[in-house]
Amino acid sequence: MKTRKLGKDLEVSALGLGCMGLSFGYGPATDRSEAITLIRAAHERGVTFFDTAEAYGPYLNEEVVGEALEPVRDQVVIATKFGFVDAIPTKGMDSRPERIRQVADEALKRLRTDRIDLFYQHRVDPNVPIEDVAGTVKELIAKGKVKHFGMSEAGVDAIRRAHAVQPVAALQSEYSMFWREPEVEILPLLEEFGIGFVPFAPLGKGFLTGKLGPDTVFDKSDFRSTVPRFQADALKANQALVDLVRMIAFEKGTTPAQIALAWLLAQRPWIVPIPGTTKLHRLEENLGAVSVELTDQDLASIREALAGIELVGERYAASHQRLINR
């Protein structure tokens, strides 16, 4: 597995594993033993970067990740997050310094470790100055409880202000062929500051795999059931994007998922996608993307084709607007 750097010195595998879907967001939780087996299989195949959060469950995901990686703790990088009231997103934000310290201490126990490699603010809290947040994480770094500071779905102003207090190693935000907004302001800023980028939902929450269509029915516990972009009319309207990815995959002798991930990897050398899955064969398929080569001509053709596709639907329901409040 090739490696990449986030920030100045956080070295991780070129693809990480987003662990959220094993216990939160995409339907019923995966059996604990099966989830542990999958996480360990990822490590055996070269993955050294694992992403979790107290809000995934809540708490369950951190516990599973901690148990799975305990035997190889010194060989991996574990990222987790703080920022919601009682670890429940629907309750709102909470990045008060005392809450950040509490989350860190509790996460260390659940993760069965003595340090958090990358500690993200899950969402910017409008009620707490970002300088206070960065300062609190800086204190945790000084104490050895945290190694690196990260932010998630943060805007340009928040990143600039936080970085001035404590260098930000990585920003985690949604980015894929299905959501390219970070290209406008975020990527240039990260390049300027030397901050790594960790795209979540790099497969467009499953859309770019080509496995979803207008007839797809989501489980009521699958958050996509409420997302405008995943309603039948939007899925139908957006098929042009899937058709494009399928065509490129056919030409390259690979799969749509691998093309979607290879495209992200080709955007910048400091981008580390974290696709998630519950299935071993999908994990292996995703990891195969590291070996897919897209030429400059390929990328130019894709860029031109993407410019001609108008996507339909918001990426979050109105009730979840706070998740994208920057």
Protein backbone atom coordinates (compact mmCIF):
# COMPACT_ATOMS: atom_id res chain seq x y z
CA MET A 1 0.00 0.00 0.00
CA LYS A 2 1.31 3.43 -0.94
CA THR A 3 1.39 6.11 1.73
CA ARG A 4 0.61 9.82 1.84
CA LYS A 5 1.15 12.62 4.34
CA LEU A 6 -1.50 14.68 6.08
CA GLY A 7 -0.08 17.97 7.27
CA LYS A 8 3.64 18.01 7.91
CA ASP A 9 4.29 14.58 9.34
CA LEU A 10 1.21 12.37 9.72
CA GLU A 11 1.91 9.47 7.35
CA VAL A 12 -1.01 7.19 6.48
CA SER A 13 -2.01 4.68 3.82
CA ALA A 14 -3.17 6.29 0.57
CA LEU A 15 -6.67 5.00 1.30
CA GLY A 16 -8.11 4.83 4.78
CA LEU A 17 -11.15 2.98 6.09
CA GLY A 18 -14.21 4.98 7.08
CA CYS A 19 -15.71 2.88 9.86
CA MET A 20 -18.96 4.81 10.42
CA GLY A 21 -21.14 2.57 8.26
CA LEU A 22 -20.29 -0.48 10.33
CA SER A 23 -22.51 0.79 13.12
CA PHE A 24 -24.24 4.00 12.09
CA GLY A 25 -25.97 5.81 9.26
CA TYR A 26 -26.46 3.16 6.59
CA GLY A 27 -28.93 0.80 8.20
CA PRO A 28 -28.67 -1.76 11.02
CA ALA A 29 -25.26 -2.12 12.66
CA THR A 30 -22.96 -4.86 11.39
CA ASP A 31 -22.46 -7.78 13.78
CA ARG A 32 -19.63 -6.79 16.13
CA SER A 33 -17.43 -9.78 15.33
CA GLU A 34 -17.91 -9.26 11.59
CA ALA A 35 -17.05 -5.57 11.91
CA ILE A 36 -13.87 -6.41 13.83
CA THR A 37 -12.93 -9.01 11.22
CA LEU A 38 -13.38 -6.45 8.42
CA ILE A 39 -11.28 -3.80 10.16
CA ARG A 40 -8.50 -6.29 10.78
CA ALA A 41 -8.71 -7.46 7.16
CA ALA A 42 -8.19 -3.86 6.05
CA HIS A 43 -5.05 -3.62 8.15
CA GLU A 44 -3.77 -6.94 6.81
CA ARG A 45 -4.14 -5.48 3.31
CA GLY A 46 -2.11 -2.40 4.11
CA VAL A 47 -4.60 0.12 5.49
CA THR A 48 -3.11 2.09 8.38
CA PHE A 49 -5.68 4.90 8.68
CA PHE A 50 -9.01 4.28 10.43
CA ASP A 51 -11.76 6.86 10.95
CA THR A 52 -14.38 6.79 13.70
CA ALA A 53 -16.26 9.19 16.03
CA GLU A 54 -18.08 9.16 19.33
CA ALA A 55 -21.26 10.11 17.44
CA TYR A 56 -21.24 6.89 15.40
CA GLY A 57 -23.57 4.75 17.46
CA PRO A 58 -23.14 6.77 19.61
CA TYR A 59 -19.97 5.26 21.10
CA LEU A 60 -20.36 1.79 19.57
CA ASN A 61 -18.10 2.52 16.60
CA GLU A 62 -15.20 3.67 18.75
CA GLU A 63 -15.53 0.54 20.88
CA VAL A 64 -15.44 -1.72 17.83
CA VAL A 65 -12.49 0.12 16.28
CA GLY A 66 -10.62 0.03 19.58
CA GLU A 67 -11.09 -3.71 20.02
CA ALA A 68 -10.22 -4.46 16.39
CA LEU A 69 -7.01 -2.45 16.38
CA GLU A 70 -5.72 -3.07 19.91
CA PRO A 71 -3.36 -5.86 18.76
CA VAL A 72 -1.77 -3.60 16.12
CA ARG A 73 -2.18 -0.23 17.82
CA ASP A 74 1.35 0.97 17.14
CA GLN A 75 1.04 0.19 13.44
CA VAL A 76 -2.05 2.31 12.74
CA VAL A 77 -3.39 5.86 12.84
CA ILE A 78 -6.77 6.30 14.52
CA ALA A 79 -8.90 9.40 13.95
CA THR A 80 -11.94 10.25 16.04
CA LYS A 81 -14.09 13.32 16.63
CA PHE A 82 -15.79 15.59 19.15
CA GLY A 83 -18.42 18.27 18.77
CA PHE A 84 -22.01 17.16 19.41
CA VAL A 85 -24.17 17.37 22.52
CA ASP A 86 -24.03 13.94 24.22
CA ALA A 87 -22.50 12.57 20.98
CA ILE A 88 -25.89 12.89 19.26
CA PRO A 89 -25.89 15.13 16.15
CA THR A 90 -29.61 15.90 16.36
CA LYS A 91 -29.04 17.55 19.75
CA GLY A 92 -26.77 20.20 18.28
CA MET A 93 -23.15 21.31 18.63
CA ASP A 94 -21.01 21.27 21.75
CA SER A 95 -17.35 22.17 21.41
CA ARG A 96 -16.93 23.80 24.79
CA PRO A 97 -13.40 23.22 26.12
CA GLU A 98 -14.65 21.10 29.04
CA ARG A 99 -16.64 18.93 26.63
CA ILE A 100 -13.63 18.46 24.33
CA ARG A 101 -11.52 17.29 27.28
CA GLN A 102 -14.27 14.93 28.41
CA VAL A 103 -14.64 13.42 24.93
CA ALA A 104 -10.89 12.90 24.65
CA ASP A 105 -10.68 11.04 27.96
CA GLU A 106 -13.69 8.87 27.20
CA ALA A 107 -12.56 8.13 23.64
CA LEU A 108 -9.15 7.00 24.87
CA LYS A 109 -10.86 4.34 27.00
CA ARG A 110 -13.19 3.17 24.23
CA LEU A 111 -10.33 3.05 21.73
CA ARG A 112 -8.12 1.16 24.20
CA THR A 113 -5.21 3.50 23.64
CA ASP A 114 -3.14 6.19 25.32
CA ARG A 115 -3.35 8.73 22.47
CA ILE A 116 -5.66 9.88 19.69
CA ASP A 117 -3.64 10.25 16.51
CA LEU A 118 -6.02 12.71 14.84
CA PHE A 119 -8.73 14.53 16.81
CA TYR A 120 -11.28 16.29 14.62
CA GLN A 121 -13.86 18.89 15.53
CA HIS A 122 -16.83 17.13 13.93
CA ARG A 123 -18.61 20.35 12.97
CA VAL A 124 -17.86 24.00 13.67
CA ASP A 125 -19.76 25.19 16.76
CA PRO A 126 -21.11 28.72 16.22
CA ASN A 127 -21.34 29.23 19.98
CA VAL A 128 -17.68 28.57 20.76
CA PRO A 129 -14.84 30.67 19.30
CA ILE A 130 -12.75 28.44 17.06
CA GLU A 131 -9.66 29.82 18.78
CA ASP A 132 -10.88 28.26 22.05
CA VAL A 133 -11.42 24.94 20.31
CA ALA A 134 -7.97 24.95 18.72
CA GLY A 135 -6.42 26.07 22.00
CA THR A 136 -8.03 23.22 23.90
CA VAL A 137 -6.78 20.65 21.41
CA LYS A 138 -3.34 22.28 21.64
CA GLU A 139 -3.41 21.65 25.39
CA LEU A 140 -4.37 18.01 24.80
CA ILE A 141 -1.46 17.67 22.37
CA ALA A 142 0.91 19.11 24.98
CA LYS A 143 -0.34 16.50 27.45
CA GLY A 144 0.25 13.69 24.94
CA LYS A 145 -3.40 12.67 24.75
CA VAL A 146 -3.70 13.86 21.14
CA LYS A 147 -1.11 13.89 18.35
CA HIS A 148 -2.75 16.00 15.62
CA PHE A 149 -5.67 18.42 15.25
CA GLY A 150 -8.28 18.09 12.51
CA MET A 151 -11.47 19.82 11.42
CA SER A 152 -14.50 18.50 9.58
CA GLU A 153 -16.75 20.38 7.14
CA ALA A 154 -15.17 23.66 8.22
CA GLY A 155 -15.16 26.78 6.07
CA VAL A 156 -12.25 28.94 5.00
CA ASP A 157 -12.51 31.48 7.82
CA ALA A 158 -12.73 28.86 10.57
CA ILE A 159 -9.76 26.95 9.17
CA ARG A 160 -7.60 30.09 8.95
CA ARG A 161 -8.40 31.12 12.51
CA ALA A 162 -7.93 27.66 13.99
CA HIS A 163 -4.68 27.05 12.11
CA ALA A 164 -3.22 30.25 13.57
CA VAL A 165 -3.64 28.79 17.07
CA GLN A 166 -2.86 25.12 16.46
CA PRO A 167 -1.74 23.81 13.06
CA VAL A 168 -4.50 21.78 11.42
CA ALA A 169 -3.14 18.49 10.06
CA ALA A 170 -6.24 17.52 8.09
CA LEU A 171 -9.65 18.66 7.00
CA GLN A 172 -12.32 16.01 6.53
CA SER A 173 -15.20 17.02 4.27
CA GLU A 174 -17.38 15.46 1.63
CA TYR A 175 -15.71 15.37 -1.77
CA SER A 176 -16.26 13.20 -4.82
CA MET A 177 -17.37 13.48 -8.43
CA PHE A 178 -20.84 13.74 -6.87
CA TRP A 179 -19.92 16.76 -4.68
CA ARG A 180 -17.13 19.03 -5.92
CA GLU A 181 -17.70 22.20 -3.90
CA PRO A 182 -14.34 21.93 -2.06
CA GLU A 183 -12.55 22.66 -5.33
CA VAL A 184 -13.65 26.30 -5.25
CA GLU A 185 -12.13 27.62 -2.01
CA ILE A 186 -11.13 24.73 0.23
CA LEU A 187 -8.49 22.93 -1.83
CA PRO A 188 -6.52 26.13 -2.61
CA LEU A 189 -6.53 27.06 1.09
CA LEU A 190 -5.34 23.61 2.18
CA GLU A 191 -2.56 23.75 -0.37
CA GLU A 192 -1.51 27.17 0.91
CA PHE A 193 -1.34 25.98 4.51
CA GLY A 194 -0.03 22.45 3.92
CA ILE A 195 -3.14 20.83 5.36
CA GLY A 196 -4.12 17.34 4.25
CA PHE A 197 -7.60 16.53 2.95
CA VAL A 198 -9.63 13.48 3.92
CA PRO A 199 -12.72 13.13 1.71
CA PHE A 200 -15.61 11.29 3.29
CA ALA A 201 -18.31 9.77 1.07
CA PRO A 202 -15.71 9.46 -1.74
CA LEU A 203 -18.08 7.10 -3.56
CA GLY A 204 -20.95 9.58 -3.34
CA LYS A 205 -22.54 7.60 -0.49
CA GLY A 206 -22.68 4.61 -2.81
CA PHE A 207 -24.04 6.43 -5.83
CA LEU A 208 -20.82 6.30 -7.84
CA THR A 209 -20.59 2.52 -7.57
CA GLY A 210 -23.45 2.28 -10.07
CA LYS A 211 -25.38 0.01 -7.71
CA LEU A 212 -28.17 2.50 -6.97
CA GLY A 213 -31.05 3.48 -9.24
CA PRO A 214 -34.52 5.07 -9.20
CA ASP A 215 -36.00 1.80 -7.88
CA THR A 216 -33.62 1.59 -4.93
CA VAL A 217 -35.45 1.40 -1.59
CA PHE A 218 -33.45 2.45 1.47
CA ASP A 219 -34.01 1.06 4.95
CA LYS A 220 -35.67 3.62 7.23
CA SER A 221 -32.54 3.58 9.41
CA ASP A 222 -30.43 4.51 6.35
CA PHE A 223 -30.02 8.29 6.39
CA ARG A 224 -30.07 8.37 2.59
CA SER A 225 -33.81 7.70 2.76
CA THR A 226 -34.28 11.38 3.71
CA VAL A 227 -31.59 12.91 1.47
CA PRO A 228 -32.91 14.82 -1.57
CA ARG A 229 -30.13 13.49 -3.81
CA PHE A 230 -31.26 9.93 -3.12
CA GLN A 231 -34.94 10.32 -3.93
CA ALA A 232 -36.10 8.45 -7.03
CA ASP A 233 -36.38 11.50 -9.29
CA ALA A 234 -32.90 12.74 -8.38
CA LEU A 235 -31.35 9.30 -8.76
CA LYS A 236 -32.83 9.11 -12.22
CA ALA A 237 -31.76 12.62 -13.18
CA ASN A 238 -28.21 12.06 -11.97
CA GLN A 239 -27.63 8.81 -13.85
CA ALA A 240 -25.58 10.75 -16.42
CA LEU A 241 -22.77 10.89 -13.88
CA VAL A 242 -22.93 7.16 -13.24
CA ASP A 243 -22.93 6.52 -16.97
CA LEU A 244 -19.76 8.61 -17.29
CA VAL A 245 -17.97 6.71 -14.53
CA ARG A 246 -19.08 3.37 -15.97
CA MET A 247 -17.76 4.31 -19.40
CA ILE A 248 -14.34 5.26 -18.01
CA ALA A 249 -14.24 2.07 -15.94
CA PHE A 250 -15.00 -0.01 -19.03
CA GLU A 251 -12.23 1.71 -20.98
CA LYS A 252 -9.75 1.13 -18.15
CA GLY A 253 -10.83 -2.44 -17.42
CA THR A 254 -11.69 -1.57 -13.86
CA THR A 255 -14.81 -0.81 -11.78
CA PRO A 256 -16.77 2.44 -11.28
CA ALA A 257 -15.82 2.55 -7.60
CA GLN A 258 -12.14 2.26 -8.46
CA ILE A 259 -12.41 5.06 -11.01
CA ALA A 260 -14.16 7.33 -8.49
CA LEU A 261 -11.42 6.73 -5.91
CA ALA A 262 -8.56 6.96 -8.41
CA TRP A 263 -9.96 10.30 -9.59
CA LEU A 264 -9.84 11.65 -6.04
CA LEU A 265 -6.32 10.36 -5.48
CA ALA A 266 -5.22 12.10 -8.68
CA GLN A 267 -6.52 15.52 -7.61
CA ARG A 268 -3.76 16.21 -5.05
CA PRO A 269 -0.96 14.12 -3.50
CA TRP A 270 -2.20 15.02 0.00
CA ILE A 271 -5.75 13.72 -0.46
CA VAL A 272 -6.59 10.51 1.44
CA PRO A 273 -10.12 9.20 0.80
CA ILE A 274 -11.79 7.03 3.45
CA PRO A 275 -14.34 4.80 1.70
CA GLY A 276 -16.41 2.65 4.01
CA THR A 277 -17.91 -0.77 3.47
CA THR A 278 -19.27 -3.74 5.37
CA LYS A 279 -18.14 -6.34 2.82
CA LEU A 280 -14.68 -7.83 2.30
CA HIS A 281 -14.95 -8.00 -1.48
CA ARG A 282 -15.88 -4.30 -1.61
CA LEU A 283 -12.94 -3.48 0.65
CA GLU A 284 -10.60 -5.28 -1.73
CA GLU A 285 -12.20 -3.59 -4.72
CA ASN A 286 -11.74 -0.16 -3.14
CA LEU A 287 -8.09 -0.81 -2.29
CA GLY A 288 -7.47 -1.77 -5.89
CA ALA A 289 -8.06 1.89 -6.81
CA VAL A 290 -4.56 2.74 -5.60
CA SER A 291 -3.17 0.89 -8.64
CA VAL A 292 -5.45 2.57 -11.18
CA GLU A 293 -3.58 5.15 -13.24
CA LEU A 294 -5.42 8.11 -14.73
CA THR A 295 -3.35 10.11 -17.22
CA ASP A 296 -3.46 13.89 -17.57
CA GLN A 297 -5.53 13.35 -20.69
CA ASP A 298 -7.93 11.10 -18.78
CA LEU A 299 -8.33 13.74 -16.07
CA ALA A 300 -8.85 16.53 -18.60
CA SER A 301 -11.53 14.50 -20.38
CA ILE A 302 -13.27 13.73 -17.09
CA ARG A 303 -13.12 17.40 -16.06
CA GLU A 304 -14.73 18.43 -19.33
CA ALA A 305 -17.44 15.77 -19.03
CA LEU A 306 -18.22 16.69 -15.41
CA ALA A 307 -18.63 20.34 -16.40
CA GLY A 308 -21.45 19.30 -18.73
CA ILE A 309 -23.40 17.34 -16.11
CA GLU A 310 -25.88 19.24 -13.94
CA LEU A 311 -26.58 17.34 -10.74
CA VAL A 312 -29.98 17.46 -9.05
CA GLY A 313 -30.81 17.47 -5.33
CA GLU A 314 -29.31 18.80 -2.10
CA ARG A 315 -26.81 16.62 -0.24
CA TYR A 316 -28.64 16.94 3.11
CA ALA A 317 -32.27 17.26 4.06
CA ALA A 318 -33.34 20.67 5.39
CA SER A 319 -33.66 19.17 8.88
CA HIS A 320 -29.93 18.39 8.79
CA GLN A 321 -28.77 21.81 7.62
CA ARG A 322 -26.71 22.22 10.78
CA LEU A 323 -24.41 19.47 9.50
CA ILE A 324 -23.21 21.80 6.77
CA ASN A 325 -23.26 25.05 8.75
CA ARG A 326 -19.79 26.53 8.50
